Amino acid sequence: RIERNAVVRRSVLFKGAIVRENARVYSSVLAAKTVVQTGALLADEPLESGNVFSRVKGKSVDTGLERLGAIAADEAVIGGGATVVPGVKIWPREKVAHGAVVDADLMWPRFQWS
């Protein structure tokens, strides 16, 4: 469900995903029951020109894409006013704090790469 004044572009929303008022979601994937709270931003373009990088097994990898938003797994919650930078992955049931800036993957501790 996309609420009033929310913006969703080039994104995939699975069943039960919610984008609240004034949130902006670009080139992202929101899995089942993910919630993007009011005023949050899931950005898709890097601050500097070039491709988006994402972390894979602890290493920064060039995705080959000029635009790539966040990938948020089932039941993730992006807090109001939070910003998620391009290429970030958010694991199931993770919660992003209100107003936070997320510039690294959020995942369960047992899955973090050394």
Protein backbone atom coordinates (compact mmCIF):
# COMPACT_ATOMS: atom_id res chain seq x y z
CA ARG A 1 0.00 0.00 0.00
CA ILE A 2 1.32 3.41 -0.94
CA GLU A 3 -0.08 6.20 1.21
CA ARG A 4 -0.83 9.81 0.34
CA ASN A 5 2.07 11.93 -0.94
CA ALA A 6 4.46 8.96 -0.91
CA VAL A 7 6.69 8.50 -3.97
CA VAL A 8 7.61 5.04 -5.28
CA ARG A 9 9.62 4.79 -8.51
CA ARG A 10 11.21 1.80 -10.28
CA SER A 11 10.57 -0.43 -7.25
CA VAL A 12 9.03 -3.79 -6.38
CA LEU A 13 6.66 -4.09 -3.41
CA PHE A 14 5.58 -7.51 -2.22
CA LYS A 15 2.25 -8.31 -0.56
CA GLY A 16 1.68 -6.35 2.61
CA ALA A 17 4.49 -3.83 2.07
CA ILE A 18 3.54 -0.31 3.17
CA VAL A 19 5.04 3.04 2.20
CA ARG A 20 3.73 5.71 4.58
CA GLU A 21 2.98 9.38 3.85
CA ASN A 22 5.78 11.49 2.39
CA ALA A 23 8.20 8.56 2.19
CA ARG A 24 10.30 8.21 -0.98
CA VAL A 25 11.36 4.85 -2.36
CA TYR A 26 13.53 4.63 -5.47
CA SER A 27 14.74 1.51 -7.33
CA SER A 28 14.23 -0.66 -4.26
CA VAL A 29 12.74 -4.01 -3.33
CA LEU A 30 10.40 -4.16 -0.32
CA ALA A 31 9.60 -7.74 0.69
CA ALA A 32 6.40 -8.92 2.38
CA LYS A 33 5.15 -6.78 5.27
CA THR A 34 8.02 -4.30 5.07
CA VAL A 35 7.09 -0.84 6.32
CA VAL A 36 8.70 2.44 5.26
CA GLN A 37 7.60 5.02 7.82
CA THR A 38 6.64 8.65 7.19
CA GLY A 39 9.33 10.78 5.57
CA ALA A 40 11.90 8.01 5.09
CA LEU A 41 14.10 7.94 1.97
CA LEU A 42 15.43 4.88 0.17
CA ALA A 43 17.84 6.52 -2.26
CA ASP A 44 19.05 4.97 -5.52
CA GLU A 45 21.81 7.24 -6.82
CA PRO A 46 25.28 7.54 -5.29
CA LEU A 47 26.38 10.99 -4.12
CA GLU A 48 29.28 10.87 -6.57
CA SER A 49 28.73 10.00 -10.22
CA GLY A 50 29.27 6.40 -11.23
CA ASN A 51 27.88 3.02 -10.27
CA VAL A 52 26.33 1.94 -6.99
CA PHE A 53 28.50 -0.31 -4.82
CA SER A 54 27.14 -2.95 -2.45
CA ARG A 55 28.83 -5.22 0.10
CA VAL A 56 29.05 -8.93 -0.65
CA LYS A 57 30.83 -11.23 1.83
CA GLY A 58 32.40 -8.19 3.44
CA LYS A 59 33.78 -6.74 0.20
CA SER A 60 32.60 -3.69 -1.72
CA VAL A 61 31.37 -4.78 -5.16
CA ASP A 62 30.52 -2.62 -8.17
CA THR A 63 26.93 -3.55 -9.09
CA GLY A 64 27.34 -2.25 -12.63
CA LEU A 65 24.22 -0.14 -12.06
CA GLU A 66 23.94 3.63 -11.93
CA ARG A 67 20.75 3.27 -9.87
CA LEU A 68 20.05 0.72 -7.16
CA GLY A 69 18.07 1.40 -4.03
CA ALA A 70 17.70 -0.74 -0.92
CA ILE A 71 16.68 -4.35 -0.63
CA ALA A 72 14.55 -4.77 2.49
CA ALA A 73 13.57 -8.30 3.53
CA ASP A 74 10.33 -9.51 5.14
CA GLU A 75 8.93 -7.43 7.99
CA ALA A 76 11.78 -4.89 8.00
CA VAL A 77 10.81 -1.46 9.32
CA ILE A 78 12.45 1.75 8.09
CA GLY A 79 11.86 4.42 10.72
CA GLY A 80 10.37 7.82 10.01
CA GLY A 81 12.78 10.30 8.52
CA ALA A 82 15.48 7.66 8.08
CA THR A 83 17.72 7.62 5.00
CA VAL A 84 18.95 4.38 3.44
CA VAL A 85 21.80 4.87 0.98
CA PRO A 86 21.96 3.05 -2.37
CA GLY A 87 22.85 -0.64 -2.41
CA VAL A 88 22.10 -1.36 1.26
CA LYS A 89 20.48 -4.66 2.26
CA ILE A 90 18.23 -4.92 5.31
CA TRP A 91 17.58 -8.40 6.67
CA PRO A 92 14.21 -9.78 7.89
CA ARG A 93 12.64 -8.08 10.90
CA GLU A 94 15.45 -5.53 11.23
CA LYS A 95 14.39 -2.08 12.43
CA VAL A 96 15.98 1.17 11.30
CA ALA A 97 15.74 3.90 13.94
CA HIS A 98 13.81 7.11 13.35
CA GLY A 99 16.04 9.65 11.60
CA ALA A 100 18.95 7.20 11.14
CA VAL A 101 21.28 7.24 8.16
CA VAL A 102 21.97 3.67 7.06
CA ASP A 103 25.12 3.34 4.97
CA ALA A 104 25.88 -0.34 5.64
CA ASP A 105 23.90 -3.56 5.50
CA LEU A 106 21.75 -4.36 8.54
CA MET A 107 21.79 -8.05 9.27
CA TRP A 108 21.54 -10.50 12.09
CA PRO A 109 24.82 -10.70 14.03
CA ARG A 110 25.33 -14.41 13.25
CA PHE A 111 25.36 -13.61 9.52
CA GLN A 112 27.84 -10.73 9.56
CA TRP A 113 30.96 -11.31 7.52
CA SER A 114 34.34 -10.94 9.17
